[in-house]
């Protein structure tokens, strides 16, 4: 039971929602335009980001280079990455993973001296990067993502189907790490027929050796469907397609870009859908509860918005990031937060924005990292949201935001004489603790 007078006193306090600060942390860029597509962090403080640096050359061409940087505790430091393209200087990294062994692996695609673009992968051995043996097909291949399921490291992407017409030319590709090489495991396509049909895996992650998910996008030509969001499941023996079409507003313009796995019955997927009535792109978030995928309600935006990344620290602390456009069509940073009950937008003024596209995110223990590109700066950027000061008693539920839920939780705890409400540490929960909480709430957290 809540104490009526206490509730009335706290209800009179103004709501001063204050998010923990976000830091802008540009990565070093020796020149050209830099986009960061991948980011990974672990609880030991290893944080990596990877992407592609494009340099414009005369008379009207471009060269593109692999890019990797590592956080050293105070700043980003670029680590020299192999550049497998020689005659045709075009390569880029799409994702990176930090492994418990101290290793790291980055994946992407590159142009060989002749023929179609091929998958590339490289391994950090603690001191330098070296190329791994990656799958190669006559019609092309590419890695778009990398993740873990138990002790297994998976890379996902696409490959030439090797089948004659009318089969789809591009099939989804999933490969298990095997030392310095990869073992390609068959993935059934969603788009089966059509010379221009394709299937791409954009995210791959799992809770265990026999429990993993891959998400992405597929299109079957002939006005059948697509581009449409695609979901695939690994049961330890094989990959199978999981039908998520009933959850989509549009099977003609949707896709999934990232996965976040907490447990086998708590999995999140993020991407974009299309609102047919308003004719605009909208954020798409799906949740797996152990038995079925469901569509999670998200805030409604006046203009187009989409998500490219999602990261989960706990069931009540999940973030998703991407971009939203203004009335003039210019991009701006977009970050959403799930508190265990609902998704809300992190205020734009809390996030540093330079025409930002967020493309990757992850947690380093309690610190949230997000990476992407800043159109106004023509460079890759990362941002970091460190934990709020745990000594701030106004954030009673420690979710990083001071709002009505802190009032409600304080009232409930005070009603049961929870020791956590003894803010003055005198061994009693009384009026003086209420007064201290009101003062702290009015002041907000730094």
Protein backbone atom coordinates (compact mmCIF):
# COMPACT_ATOMS: atom_id res chain seq x y z
CA UNK A 1 0.00 0.00 0.00
CA UNK A 2 1.27 3.44 -0.86
CA UNK A 3 1.37 6.20 1.75
CA UNK A 4 -1.20 8.85 0.58
CA UNK A 5 0.58 11.90 2.04
CA UNK A 6 3.92 10.76 0.68
CA UNK A 7 2.41 10.21 -2.75
CA UNK A 8 0.85 13.66 -2.69
CA UNK A 9 4.08 15.31 -1.64
CA UNK A 10 6.11 13.64 -4.34
CA UNK A 11 3.48 14.22 -7.01
CA UNK A 12 3.93 17.95 -6.41
CA UNK A 13 7.55 17.69 -7.55
CA UNK A 14 8.28 18.71 -11.13
CA UNK A 15 9.41 15.97 -13.51
CA UNK A 16 13.07 16.57 -14.32
CA UNK A 17 14.03 13.74 -16.65
CA UNK A 18 17.78 13.87 -17.16
CA UNK A 19 19.57 11.24 -19.23
CA UNK A 20 23.13 10.24 -18.47
CA UNK A 21 25.56 12.26 -20.60
CA UNK A 22 26.70 11.11 -24.04
CA UNK A 23 30.26 11.79 -25.15
CA UNK A 24 31.23 12.43 -28.78
CA UNK A 25 34.37 10.44 -29.56
CA UNK A 26 35.52 10.88 -33.18
CA UNK A 27 37.81 8.19 -34.57
CA UNK A 28 41.07 9.24 -36.26
CA UNK A 29 40.61 9.76 -39.99
CA UNK A 30 43.70 10.29 -42.15
CA UNK A 31 41.55 11.58 -45.00
CA UNK A 32 38.46 10.95 -47.07
CA UNK A 33 34.99 9.99 -45.92
CA UNK A 34 34.77 7.47 -43.07
CA UNK A 35 31.77 5.30 -42.15
CA UNK A 36 31.78 2.92 -39.18
CA UNK A 37 29.58 -0.12 -39.78
CA UNK A 38 30.60 -2.37 -36.89
CA UNK A 39 31.34 -2.05 -33.18
CA UNK A 40 31.87 -4.61 -30.44
CA UNK A 41 32.80 -4.41 -26.77
CA UNK A 42 33.32 -6.88 -23.95
CA UNK A 43 33.29 -6.68 -20.16
CA UNK A 44 37.09 -6.50 -20.05
CA UNK A 45 37.12 -3.08 -21.69
CA UNK A 46 38.05 -4.22 -25.19
CA UNK A 47 36.18 -1.98 -27.64
CA UNK A 48 36.67 -2.17 -31.41
CA UNK A 49 35.07 -0.41 -34.35
CA UNK A 50 35.40 -1.12 -38.07
CA UNK A 51 34.23 0.29 -41.36
CA UNK A 52 35.37 1.78 -44.64
CA UNK A 53 37.30 4.91 -45.60
CA UNK A 54 36.59 6.32 -49.05
CA UNK A 55 39.06 8.58 -50.85
CA UNK A 56 38.05 10.47 -53.97
CA UNK A 57 40.68 10.36 -56.71
CA UNK A 58 40.97 12.05 -60.08
CA UNK A 59 39.57 12.09 -62.67
CA UNK A 60 36.33 10.90 -61.08
CA UNK A 61 37.00 7.70 -59.22
CA UNK A 62 37.12 6.46 -55.65
CA UNK A 63 39.37 4.16 -53.65
CA UNK A 64 37.99 2.46 -50.57
CA UNK A 65 39.99 1.03 -47.69
CA UNK A 66 39.42 -1.20 -44.67
CA UNK A 67 39.37 0.71 -41.39
CA UNK A 68 39.73 -0.55 -37.80
CA UNK A 69 40.21 1.39 -34.56
CA UNK A 70 40.57 0.30 -30.94
CA UNK A 71 39.70 2.19 -27.75
CA UNK A 72 42.76 2.45 -25.48
CA UNK A 73 40.92 3.75 -22.44
CA UNK A 74 41.11 7.42 -23.34
CA UNK A 75 40.92 7.68 -27.13
CA UNK A 76 40.51 5.73 -30.36
CA UNK A 77 43.66 4.49 -32.04
CA UNK A 78 43.61 3.25 -35.63
CA UNK A 79 45.19 -0.19 -36.03
CA UNK A 80 46.60 -0.91 -39.52
CA UNK A 81 44.34 -3.37 -41.33
CA UNK A 82 45.20 -5.57 -44.33
CA UNK A 83 44.01 -4.23 -47.70
CA UNK A 84 43.49 -7.28 -49.96
CA UNK A 85 42.40 -5.27 -53.01
CA UNK A 86 45.37 -4.53 -55.22
CA UNK A 87 44.46 -3.54 -58.78
CA UNK A 88 40.92 -2.42 -57.92
CA UNK A 89 41.24 -0.56 -54.63
CA UNK A 90 37.82 -1.19 -53.19
CA UNK A 91 37.27 -2.97 -49.88
CA UNK A 92 35.37 -2.37 -46.67
CA UNK A 93 34.58 -3.94 -43.31
CA UNK A 94 31.00 -4.38 -42.18
CA UNK A 95 31.37 -5.82 -38.68
CA UNK A 96 33.82 -6.77 -35.94
CA UNK A 97 33.81 -8.95 -32.82
CA UNK A 98 35.98 -9.01 -29.70
CA UNK A 99 36.60 -12.54 -28.41
CA UNK A 100 37.30 -13.70 -24.83
CA UNK A 101 40.70 -15.01 -25.89
CA UNK A 102 41.86 -11.46 -26.61
CA UNK A 103 41.44 -12.03 -30.32
CA UNK A 104 39.20 -9.97 -32.59
CA UNK A 105 37.80 -10.77 -36.03
CA UNK A 106 36.59 -8.29 -38.64
CA UNK A 107 34.61 -9.19 -41.77
CA UNK A 108 33.50 -7.53 -44.98
CA UNK A 109 34.06 -7.64 -48.73
CA UNK A 110 36.70 -6.68 -51.28
CA UNK A 111 37.38 -6.55 -55.00
CA UNK A 112 39.94 -9.09 -56.23
CA UNK A 113 42.10 -8.26 -59.30
CA UNK A 114 39.33 -9.67 -61.53
CA UNK A 115 35.82 -11.02 -61.15
CA UNK A 116 33.09 -10.39 -58.61
CA UNK A 117 33.48 -8.98 -55.12
CA UNK A 118 34.38 -11.59 -52.48
CA UNK A 119 34.12 -12.03 -48.73
CA UNK A 120 37.07 -11.03 -46.58
CA UNK A 121 37.92 -11.64 -42.94
CA UNK A 122 40.88 -10.82 -40.73
CA UNK A 123 42.06 -11.76 -37.24
CA UNK A 124 43.74 -9.74 -34.50
CA UNK A 125 46.26 -11.90 -32.62
CA UNK A 126 46.96 -9.42 -29.85
CA UNK A 127 49.47 -7.33 -31.76
CA UNK A 128 48.51 -7.18 -35.46
CA UNK A 129 45.86 -8.04 -38.05
CA UNK A 130 46.25 -10.78 -40.66
CA UNK A 131 43.91 -12.08 -43.35
CA UNK A 132 41.95 -15.29 -42.83
CA UNK A 133 40.86 -17.72 -45.54
CA UNK A 134 37.37 -16.59 -46.61
CA UNK A 135 34.73 -18.24 -48.84
CA UNK A 136 35.02 -17.41 -52.55
CA UNK A 137 32.52 -18.08 -55.33
CA UNK A 138 32.69 -17.43 -59.05
CA UNK A 139 29.64 -15.18 -58.87
CA UNK A 140 30.75 -13.37 -55.74
CA UNK A 141 30.30 -13.44 -51.97
CA UNK A 142 30.46 -11.11 -48.98
CA UNK A 143 30.39 -11.07 -45.20
CA UNK A 144 28.01 -8.53 -43.68
CA UNK A 145 28.06 -9.51 -39.99
CA UNK A 146 29.73 -11.60 -37.32
CA UNK A 147 28.50 -12.91 -33.96
CA UNK A 148 28.74 -15.65 -31.36
CA UNK A 149 26.48 -18.51 -30.31
CA UNK A 150 28.06 -20.18 -27.32
CA UNK A 151 31.67 -20.82 -28.26
CA UNK A 152 30.90 -20.83 -31.98
CA UNK A 153 31.77 -17.76 -34.05
CA UNK A 154 29.43 -17.26 -37.00
CA UNK A 155 29.80 -14.90 -39.96
CA UNK A 156 26.81 -14.05 -42.12
CA UNK A 157 26.33 -12.50 -45.52
CA UNK A 158 25.59 -13.62 -49.06
CA UNK A 159 26.98 -15.78 -51.86
CA UNK A 160 26.35 -16.71 -55.45
CA UNK A 161 23.75 -19.48 -55.51
CA UNK A 162 25.62 -21.54 -58.17
CA UNK A 163 22.21 -22.59 -59.55
CA UNK A 164 20.94 -22.08 -63.12
CA UNK A 165 17.96 -19.81 -63.90
CA UNK A 166 15.29 -19.31 -62.76
CA UNK A 167 16.89 -19.71 -59.32
CA UNK A 168 17.76 -16.62 -57.31
CA UNK A 169 21.33 -15.60 -58.02
CA UNK A 170 22.19 -14.59 -54.43
CA UNK A 171 21.67 -16.91 -51.46
CA UNK A 172 22.15 -16.19 -47.76
CA UNK A 173 25.51 -17.35 -46.42
CA UNK A 174 26.37 -18.46 -42.87
CA UNK A 175 29.84 -19.72 -42.02
CA UNK A 176 31.33 -21.17 -38.83
CA UNK A 177 34.85 -20.25 -37.84
CA UNK A 178 37.28 -23.14 -38.10
CA UNK A 179 40.68 -21.91 -37.00
CA UNK A 180 41.88 -19.51 -39.65
CA UNK A 181 39.15 -20.52 -42.12
CA UNK A 182 35.37 -20.79 -42.37
CA UNK A 183 32.97 -23.70 -42.87
CA UNK A 184 30.00 -22.59 -44.96
CA UNK A 185 26.70 -24.09 -43.71
CA UNK A 186 23.73 -24.17 -46.07
CA UNK A 187 21.00 -21.61 -45.38
CA UNK A 188 17.70 -21.99 -47.26
CA UNK A 189 16.78 -18.81 -49.15
CA UNK A 190 13.62 -16.83 -48.60
CA UNK A 191 13.71 -15.53 -52.16
CA UNK A 192 13.95 -18.64 -54.36
CA UNK A 193 13.39 -17.67 -57.99
CA UNK A 194 14.16 -14.68 -60.19
CA UNK A 195 17.39 -13.66 -61.85
CA UNK A 196 17.65 -10.52 -59.71
CA UNK A 197 16.34 -12.05 -56.49
CA UNK A 198 18.63 -11.87 -53.48
CA UNK A 199 19.00 -12.91 -49.84
CA UNK A 200 21.32 -11.13 -47.40
CA UNK A 201 22.07 -11.94 -43.76
CA UNK A 202 22.73 -8.67 -41.90
CA UNK A 203 22.98 -9.95 -38.30
CA UNK A 204 23.82 -13.27 -36.66
CA UNK A 205 23.83 -14.06 -32.94
CA UNK A 206 22.83 -16.84 -30.55
CA UNK A 207 22.34 -17.94 -26.97
CA UNK A 208 24.09 -21.29 -27.39
CA UNK A 209 25.63 -23.82 -29.74
CA UNK A 210 22.19 -25.09 -30.74
CA UNK A 211 20.27 -21.83 -30.52
CA UNK A 212 21.11 -18.99 -32.90
CA UNK A 213 19.32 -16.49 -35.12
CA UNK A 214 20.19 -14.75 -38.37
CA UNK A 215 18.27 -11.74 -39.66
CA UNK A 216 18.38 -9.73 -42.84
CA UNK A 217 16.59 -8.88 -46.05
CA UNK A 218 15.39 -10.67 -49.18
CA UNK A 219 13.68 -9.81 -52.43
CA UNK A 220 12.00 -12.05 -54.97
CA UNK A 221 11.61 -10.31 -58.30
CA UNK A 222 8.44 -10.35 -60.35
CA UNK A 223 6.58 -8.23 -57.75
CA UNK A 224 6.38 -11.24 -55.43
CA UNK A 225 7.85 -9.60 -52.34
CA UNK A 226 10.68 -7.47 -51.14
CA UNK A 227 12.83 -6.08 -50.13
CA UNK A 228 11.39 -7.69 -47.00
CA UNK A 229 12.66 -8.55 -43.53
CA UNK A 230 13.99 -12.11 -43.16
CA UNK A 231 14.52 -14.26 -40.03
CA UNK A 232 16.33 -17.61 -39.90
CA UNK A 233 16.90 -20.01 -36.97
CA UNK A 234 19.73 -22.44 -36.14
CA UNK A 235 18.83 -25.47 -33.98
CA UNK A 236 22.28 -27.00 -33.81
CA UNK A 237 21.73 -29.08 -36.95
CA UNK A 238 20.38 -26.79 -39.65
CA UNK A 239 19.16 -23.33 -40.52
CA UNK A 240 15.44 -22.87 -41.27
CA UNK A 241 13.41 -19.87 -42.35
CA UNK A 242 11.04 -18.39 -39.73
CA UNK A 243 7.99 -16.64 -41.16
CA UNK A 244 7.75 -13.08 -39.81
CA UNK A 245 5.69 -11.69 -42.71
CA UNK A 246 2.50 -11.56 -40.56
CA UNK A 247 4.31 -9.10 -38.26
CA UNK A 248 5.25 -6.65 -41.01
CA UNK A 249 3.32 -3.62 -42.21
CA UNK A 250 5.01 -4.06 -45.58
CA UNK A 251 6.59 -7.02 -47.35
CA UNK A 252 7.63 -4.65 -50.13
CA UNK A 253 9.95 -2.41 -48.13
CA UNK A 254 11.26 -3.70 -44.80
CA UNK A 255 14.40 -5.25 -43.38
CA UNK A 256 16.27 -6.31 -40.25
CA UNK A 257 19.75 -5.00 -39.48
CA UNK A 258 20.73 -6.23 -36.02
CA UNK A 259 20.08 -8.73 -33.24
CA UNK A 260 20.61 -8.62 -29.47
CA UNK A 261 20.46 -11.90 -27.54
CA UNK A 262 20.12 -11.90 -23.76
CA UNK A 263 18.91 -15.48 -23.27
CA UNK A 264 17.23 -18.17 -25.34
CA UNK A 265 13.84 -16.64 -24.48
CA UNK A 266 14.80 -12.96 -24.67
CA UNK A 267 15.98 -11.90 -28.12
CA UNK A 268 15.56 -8.55 -29.88
CA UNK A 269 15.75 -7.63 -33.59
CA UNK A 270 15.79 -4.14 -35.08
CA UNK A 271 15.36 -2.69 -38.55
CA UNK A 272 12.74 -0.83 -40.53
CA UNK A 273 9.24 -1.23 -41.91
CA UNK A 274 7.03 0.91 -44.12
CA UNK A 275 3.84 2.69 -43.09
CA UNK A 276 1.64 2.46 -46.19
CA UNK A 277 -0.87 5.02 -44.95
CA UNK A 278 1.76 7.69 -44.26
CA UNK A 279 4.11 6.63 -47.04
CA UNK A 280 7.22 6.66 -44.88
CA UNK A 281 9.80 4.38 -43.32
CA UNK A 282 9.24 3.52 -39.65
CA UNK A 283 11.35 1.77 -36.97
CA UNK A 284 10.83 -1.98 -36.63
CA UNK A 285 11.56 -3.86 -33.40
CA UNK A 286 10.73 -7.53 -32.89
CA UNK A 287 11.00 -9.61 -29.70
CA UNK A 288 11.36 -13.37 -29.17
CA UNK A 289 9.97 -14.70 -25.87
CA UNK A 290 11.07 -18.29 -26.31
CA UNK A 291 8.00 -19.40 -28.25
CA UNK A 292 7.19 -16.72 -30.85
CA UNK A 293 8.30 -13.43 -32.35
CA UNK A 294 6.11 -10.39 -31.71
CA UNK A 295 6.19 -6.80 -32.90
CA UNK A 296 7.07 -4.31 -30.20
CA UNK A 297 5.29 -0.92 -30.23
CA UNK A 298 7.64 1.99 -30.88
CA UNK A 299 7.20 5.78 -30.86
CA UNK A 300 5.55 7.38 -33.91
CA UNK A 301 7.66 9.85 -35.87
CA UNK A 302 6.49 12.69 -38.09
CA UNK A 303 9.08 11.86 -40.76
CA UNK A 304 10.94 8.77 -41.91
CA UNK A 305 12.95 6.88 -39.30
CA UNK A 306 14.75 3.54 -39.20
CA UNK A 307 16.93 1.46 -36.91
CA UNK A 308 20.27 -0.14 -37.75
CA UNK A 309 21.50 -1.38 -34.34
CA UNK A 310 20.26 -2.81 -31.06
CA UNK A 311 22.04 -3.75 -27.80
CA UNK A 312 20.73 -5.25 -24.57
CA UNK A 313 22.33 -5.14 -21.12
CA UNK A 314 19.35 -6.52 -19.20
CA UNK A 315 15.65 -7.27 -19.82
CA UNK A 316 14.81 -3.74 -18.68
CA UNK A 317 17.73 -1.96 -20.33
CA UNK A 318 17.75 -2.26 -24.12
CA UNK A 319 18.79 0.38 -26.65
CA UNK A 320 18.20 0.69 -30.40
CA UNK A 321 19.75 3.26 -32.70
CA UNK A 322 19.52 4.52 -36.26
CA UNK A 323 18.48 7.74 -37.92
CA UNK A 324 15.45 9.94 -38.47
CA UNK A 325 14.93 12.70 -41.00
CA UNK A 326 13.66 16.22 -40.45
CA UNK A 327 11.14 18.08 -42.60
CA UNK A 328 13.88 18.87 -45.12
CA UNK A 329 14.99 15.26 -45.40
CA UNK A 330 18.26 15.67 -43.47
CA UNK A 331 19.31 12.81 -41.16
CA UNK A 332 19.57 13.11 -37.39
CA UNK A 333 20.58 10.76 -34.60
CA UNK A 334 17.89 8.39 -33.32
CA UNK A 335 18.18 6.41 -30.08
CA UNK A 336 15.36 4.47 -28.41
CA UNK A 337 15.36 2.90 -24.93
CA UNK A 338 13.33 0.01 -23.51
CA UNK A 339 12.86 0.04 -19.72
CA UNK A 340 11.16 -3.33 -19.46
CA UNK A 341 7.74 -1.88 -20.21
CA UNK A 342 7.86 0.43 -23.24
CA UNK A 343 10.14 1.93 -25.86
CA UNK A 344 10.74 5.69 -25.63
CA UNK A 345 12.95 8.06 -27.60
CA UNK A 346 16.08 9.35 -25.92
CA UNK A 347 15.78 13.16 -26.22
CA UNK A 348 17.70 14.43 -29.23
CA UNK A 349 19.43 17.10 -27.18
CA UNK A 350 20.94 14.32 -25.03
CA UNK A 351 22.75 12.84 -28.02
CA UNK A 352 25.48 14.66 -29.93
CA UNK A 353 24.21 15.05 -33.48
CA UNK A 354 26.01 16.06 -36.67
CA UNK A 355 23.62 14.69 -39.26
CA UNK A 356 24.17 11.28 -37.70
CA UNK A 357 23.48 7.77 -38.94
CA UNK A 358 24.03 5.26 -36.14
CA UNK A 359 24.91 1.82 -37.53
CA UNK A 360 26.27 -0.28 -34.64
CA UNK A 361 26.11 -0.42 -30.85
CA UNK A 362 27.11 -2.58 -27.90
CA UNK A 363 27.61 -2.57 -24.13
CA UNK A 364 30.99 -2.61 -22.41
CA UNK A 365 29.81 -3.76 -18.97
CA UNK A 366 27.53 -0.80 -18.05
CA UNK A 367 28.81 1.61 -20.71
CA UNK A 368 26.88 1.91 -23.96
CA UNK A 369 28.82 2.51 -27.18
CA UNK A 370 27.31 3.49 -30.52
CA UNK A 371 29.03 4.09 -33.87
CA UNK A 372 28.17 5.31 -37.34
CA UNK A 373 28.75 8.34 -39.50
CA UNK A 374 28.29 12.09 -39.26
CA UNK A 375 27.20 13.51 -42.60
CA UNK A 376 28.06 17.05 -41.51
CA UNK A 377 31.61 16.02 -40.58
CA UNK A 378 32.27 13.44 -43.35
CA UNK A 379 33.79 11.15 -40.77
CA UNK A 380 32.99 8.17 -38.62
CA UNK A 381 31.95 8.92 -35.09
CA UNK A 382 31.36 6.99 -31.90
CA UNK A 383 29.43 8.06 -28.85
CA UNK A 384 29.62 6.71 -25.34
CA UNK A 385 27.02 6.79 -22.59
CA UNK A 386 28.61 5.99 -19.25
CA UNK A 387 26.61 4.90 -16.19
CA UNK A 388 25.01 7.65 -14.14
CA UNK A 389 26.47 8.34 -10.72
CA UNK A 390 25.07 5.54 -8.58
CA UNK A 391 25.15 7.93 -5.61
CA UNK A 392 22.40 10.01 -7.20
CA UNK A 393 19.44 9.09 -5.03
CA UNK A 394 16.94 10.79 -7.38
CA UNK A 395 17.46 7.98 -9.92
CA UNK A 396 16.01 5.55 -7.40
CA UNK A 397 15.53 2.66 -9.84
CA UNK A 398 18.97 3.26 -11.40
CA UNK A 399 17.71 3.18 -14.99
CA UNK A 400 19.72 6.26 -15.98
CA UNK A 401 16.72 8.64 -16.11
CA UNK A 402 15.02 10.69 -13.38
CA UNK A 403 11.26 10.52 -13.88
CA UNK A 404 7.91 9.49 -12.37
CA UNK A 405 8.96 5.84 -12.15
CA UNK A 406 11.57 6.81 -9.55
CA UNK A 407 8.81 8.46 -7.49
CA UNK A 408 6.60 5.40 -7.78
CA UNK A 409 9.40 3.00 -6.85
CA UNK A 410 10.48 5.16 -3.90
CA UNK A 411 6.90 5.27 -2.59
CA UNK A 412 6.54 1.49 -2.83
CA UNK A 413 9.88 0.92 -1.12
CA UNK A 414 9.14 3.50 1.62
CA UNK A 415 5.77 1.88 2.33
CA UNK A 416 7.55 -1.38 3.20
CA UNK A 417 10.37 0.42 5.06
CA UNK A 418 12.91 -0.81 2.55
CA UNK A 419 16.42 0.08 3.85
CA UNK A 420 17.15 1.60 0.41
CA UNK A 421 14.91 4.55 1.38
CA UNK A 422 17.10 5.41 4.37
CA UNK A 423 18.85 8.14 2.43
CA UNK A 424 20.44 9.84 5.44
CA UNK A 425 21.81 6.51 6.75
CA UNK A 426 20.49 6.95 10.28
CA UNK A 427 18.94 3.50 10.46
CA UNK A 428 15.37 4.73 9.94
CA UNK A 429 13.14 5.51 6.96
CA UNK A 430 11.16 8.60 7.91
CA UNK A 431 10.12 12.10 6.87
CA UNK A 432 13.73 13.28 6.67
CA UNK A 433 14.44 10.65 4.00
CA UNK A 434 11.36 11.79 2.07
CA UNK A 435 12.60 15.37 2.23
CA UNK A 436 16.03 14.25 1.05
CA UNK A 437 14.51 12.38 -1.88
CA UNK A 438 12.37 15.40 -2.87
CA UNK A 439 15.45 17.66 -2.80
CA UNK A 440 17.43 15.17 -4.88
CA UNK A 441 14.59 14.73 -7.35
CA UNK A 442 14.22 18.47 -7.85
CA UNK A 443 17.95 18.79 -8.44
CA UNK A 444 18.10 15.85 -10.84
CA UNK A 445 21.20 13.81 -11.58
CA UNK A 446 24.38 15.34 -13.02
